[in-house]
Amino acid sequence: MKLIKNGEFVEDSFVTVGDEDALPDGPAIVSLERWQAECEMLRARNSPIGVKLQSGQEPDAIVGDLDHIDVVALDFPIYRNGRAYSYARLLRERHGFKGEIRAVGNVLRDQFQYMIRCGFDALEVADNITPEIFAENAGAFSLFYQPAADGKETVLSLRQRLAARAQEKASA
């Protein structure tokens, strides 16, 4: 798998570790279950730590620990399961998480732009994804109807702004 972070292909410094595996010396991503069982020890490490949430594991389980977590990896088990979109928005907008939110699992190219709009800043993508494929799919649309975590202007607000400008010109 390749990692795209903030629109760029980068080397992944994090290792995803199984519940029974030894922790590496460097950055690691652990399961929610391991985080809950070994929280104090994981907080005391001198290396960045991440927590992977499965599709049915809501971010409320780690909200109190977000100051100690560098990466939240949200799993997309199948293309029909979009709970991670909501979880990313909750982490960014409601809980103010400033760390990395990573999409893992079944990350499909036609979903890149929406993942980014919802607050993901890192995507684990298939090896056949190139920078050109990413750029094409991440910028597929320039106008949006729904507000999102990226703060881009919606069609409605654009219409309102243009109508106000036209009204100002008409009354001048």
Protein backbone atom coordinates (compact mmCIF):
# COMPACT_ATOMS: atom_id res chain seq x y z
CA MET A 1 0.00 0.00 0.00
CA LYS A 2 1.04 3.59 -0.68
CA LEU A 3 0.36 6.55 1.58
CA ILE A 4 -0.89 9.92 0.35
CA LYS A 5 -0.69 12.67 2.94
CA ASN A 6 -1.91 16.20 2.28
CA GLY A 7 -2.04 15.39 -1.43
CA GLU A 8 1.52 14.04 -1.69
CA PHE A 9 2.83 10.48 -1.86
CA VAL A 10 5.00 10.00 1.24
CA GLU A 11 6.89 7.28 3.05
CA ASP A 12 4.79 5.82 5.86
CA SER A 13 6.74 6.02 9.12
CA PHE A 14 3.99 4.21 11.08
CA VAL A 15 3.79 0.44 11.47
CA THR A 16 0.41 -1.15 12.13
CA VAL A 17 0.90 -3.60 14.98
CA GLY A 18 -1.29 -6.57 15.87
CA ASP A 19 -2.63 -6.98 19.38
CA GLU A 20 -0.13 -9.72 20.23
CA ASP A 21 2.86 -8.25 18.33
CA ALA A 22 5.77 -6.49 19.98
CA LEU A 23 5.79 -2.73 19.58
CA PRO A 24 8.48 -1.31 17.30
CA ASP A 25 10.86 1.39 18.54
CA GLY A 26 9.29 3.93 16.20
CA PRO A 27 5.78 5.14 15.36
CA ALA A 28 3.03 2.51 15.65
CA ILE A 29 -0.69 2.16 15.06
CA VAL A 30 -2.54 -0.13 17.46
CA SER A 31 -6.11 -1.35 17.68
CA LEU A 32 -8.67 0.32 19.94
CA GLU A 33 -8.63 -2.79 22.15
CA ARG A 34 -4.87 -2.60 22.60
CA TRP A 35 -5.04 1.15 23.25
CA GLN A 36 -7.62 0.61 25.97
CA ALA A 37 -5.68 -2.26 27.56
CA GLU A 38 -2.23 -0.60 27.43
CA CYS A 39 -3.11 3.08 27.42
CA GLU A 40 -0.74 4.20 30.18
CA MET A 41 2.25 2.40 28.71
CA LEU A 42 1.47 3.66 25.18
CA ARG A 43 1.17 7.25 26.40
CA ALA A 44 4.56 7.00 28.09
CA ARG A 45 6.37 5.95 24.89
CA ASN A 46 8.71 8.43 23.22
CA SER A 47 7.36 7.55 19.79
CA PRO A 48 4.22 8.74 18.00
CA ILE A 49 1.22 6.49 18.45
CA GLY A 50 -1.90 5.91 16.40
CA VAL A 51 -5.17 4.10 17.04
CA LYS A 52 -7.08 2.20 14.39
CA LEU A 53 -10.85 2.21 14.69
CA GLN A 54 -12.84 -0.51 12.95
CA SER A 55 -16.04 0.47 11.20
CA GLY A 56 -18.31 -0.04 14.22
CA GLN A 57 -15.97 1.61 16.74
CA GLU A 58 -16.99 5.22 17.25
CA PRO A 59 -14.42 7.92 18.01
CA ASP A 60 -16.14 8.62 21.34
CA ALA A 61 -14.07 5.70 22.66
CA ILE A 62 -10.86 7.77 22.31
CA VAL A 63 -12.04 11.36 22.63
CA GLY A 64 -10.53 11.79 26.07
CA ASP A 65 -7.17 10.57 24.78
CA LEU A 66 -6.87 12.61 21.57
CA ASP A 67 -4.10 14.78 23.06
CA HIS A 68 -1.94 11.63 23.26
CA ILE A 69 -2.78 10.22 19.82
CA ASP A 70 -0.96 11.30 16.66
CA VAL A 71 -2.94 9.28 14.09
CA VAL A 72 -6.49 7.98 14.00
CA ALA A 73 -6.82 5.35 11.27
CA LEU A 74 -10.43 4.79 10.21
CA ASP A 75 -11.24 1.54 8.44
CA PHE A 76 -13.33 1.22 5.29
CA PRO A 77 -14.08 -2.54 5.29
CA ILE A 78 -16.20 -2.45 2.11
CA TYR A 79 -17.22 0.32 -0.27
CA ARG A 80 -20.81 0.36 1.02
CA ASN A 81 -19.79 1.14 4.60
CA GLY A 82 -19.28 4.89 5.00
CA ARG A 83 -19.33 5.34 8.77
CA ALA A 84 -15.71 6.47 8.68
CA TYR A 85 -16.75 9.61 6.77
CA SER A 86 -18.93 10.63 9.71
CA TYR A 87 -16.23 9.68 12.20
CA ALA A 88 -13.67 11.86 10.39
CA ARG A 89 -16.01 14.86 10.46
CA LEU A 90 -16.76 14.30 14.15
CA LEU A 91 -13.06 14.11 14.97
CA ARG A 92 -12.29 17.34 13.07
CA GLU A 93 -15.36 19.46 13.74
CA ARG A 94 -16.78 18.38 17.09
CA HIS A 95 -13.63 17.18 18.85
CA GLY A 96 -11.08 19.51 17.21
CA PHE A 97 -8.59 16.75 16.46
CA LYS A 98 -5.55 18.29 14.75
CA GLY A 99 -3.58 15.08 14.19
CA GLU A 100 -3.62 12.83 11.16
CA ILE A 101 -6.86 11.12 10.18
CA ARG A 102 -6.00 8.23 7.90
CA ALA A 103 -8.35 6.26 5.63
CA VAL A 104 -7.39 2.57 5.52
CA GLY A 105 -8.92 -0.54 4.04
CA ASN A 106 -11.06 -0.39 0.92
CA VAL A 107 -10.05 3.14 -0.13
CA LEU A 108 -11.38 3.64 -3.65
CA ARG A 109 -10.21 6.29 -6.11
CA ASP A 110 -13.69 7.70 -6.75
CA GLN A 111 -13.93 8.49 -3.02
CA PHE A 112 -10.64 10.43 -2.65
CA GLN A 113 -12.19 13.88 -2.93
CA TYR A 114 -15.02 13.16 -0.51
CA MET A 115 -12.61 11.62 2.01
CA ILE A 116 -10.51 14.77 1.93
CA ARG A 117 -13.61 16.97 2.26
CA CYS A 118 -14.67 15.02 5.36
CA GLY A 119 -11.38 15.63 7.16
CA PHE A 120 -9.04 12.83 6.09
CA ASP A 121 -5.54 14.10 5.43
CA ALA A 122 -3.94 10.72 4.75
CA LEU A 123 -5.12 7.87 2.54
CA GLU A 124 -3.67 4.37 2.24
CA VAL A 125 -4.17 3.57 -1.43
CA ALA A 126 -3.57 0.56 -3.69
CA ASP A 127 -0.18 0.20 -5.32
CA ASN A 128 -1.61 0.92 -8.77
CA ILE A 129 -2.60 4.50 -7.80
CA THR A 130 -0.27 7.08 -9.35
CA PRO A 131 0.05 10.80 -8.60
CA GLU A 132 -1.87 11.48 -11.82
CA ILE A 133 -4.75 9.19 -10.85
CA PHE A 134 -4.89 10.77 -7.40
CA ALA A 135 -4.88 14.34 -8.79
CA GLU A 136 -7.59 13.51 -11.32
CA ASN A 137 -9.90 11.95 -8.74
CA ALA A 138 -9.16 14.28 -5.83
CA GLY A 139 -10.10 17.29 -7.96
CA ALA A 140 -12.98 15.78 -9.88
CA PHE A 141 -15.51 18.40 -8.75
CA SER A 142 -15.09 22.12 -8.21
CA LEU A 143 -18.53 22.96 -6.80
CA PHE A 144 -20.24 21.36 -3.83
CA TYR A 145 -23.78 21.31 -2.48
CA GLN A 146 -22.90 20.05 1.00
CA PRO A 147 -20.74 21.82 3.57
CA ALA A 148 -17.85 19.71 4.82
CA ALA A 149 -14.82 19.78 7.10
CA ASP A 150 -12.68 21.33 4.34
CA GLY A 151 -14.61 24.61 4.61
CA LYS A 152 -15.03 25.03 0.84
CA GLU A 153 -17.83 27.30 -0.29
CA THR A 154 -21.09 25.57 -1.19
CA VAL A 155 -23.19 26.31 -4.26
CA LEU A 156 -25.85 27.90 -2.05
CA SER A 157 -23.42 30.32 -0.39
CA LEU A 158 -21.92 31.15 -3.79
CA ARG A 159 -25.38 31.92 -5.17
CA GLN A 160 -26.18 34.09 -2.15
CA ARG A 161 -22.90 35.98 -2.45
CA LEU A 162 -23.40 36.59 -6.19
CA ALA A 163 -27.03 37.67 -5.65
CA ALA A 164 -25.95 40.13 -2.94
CA ARG A 165 -23.27 41.54 -5.24
CA ALA A 166 -25.79 41.92 -8.10
CA GLN A 167 -28.22 43.66 -5.74
CA GLU A 168 -25.48 46.07 -4.60
CA LYS A 169 -24.69 46.97 -8.22
CA ALA A 170 -28.37 47.43 -9.05
CA SER A 171 -28.93 49.82 -6.14
CA ALA A 172 -25.77 51.84 -6.85
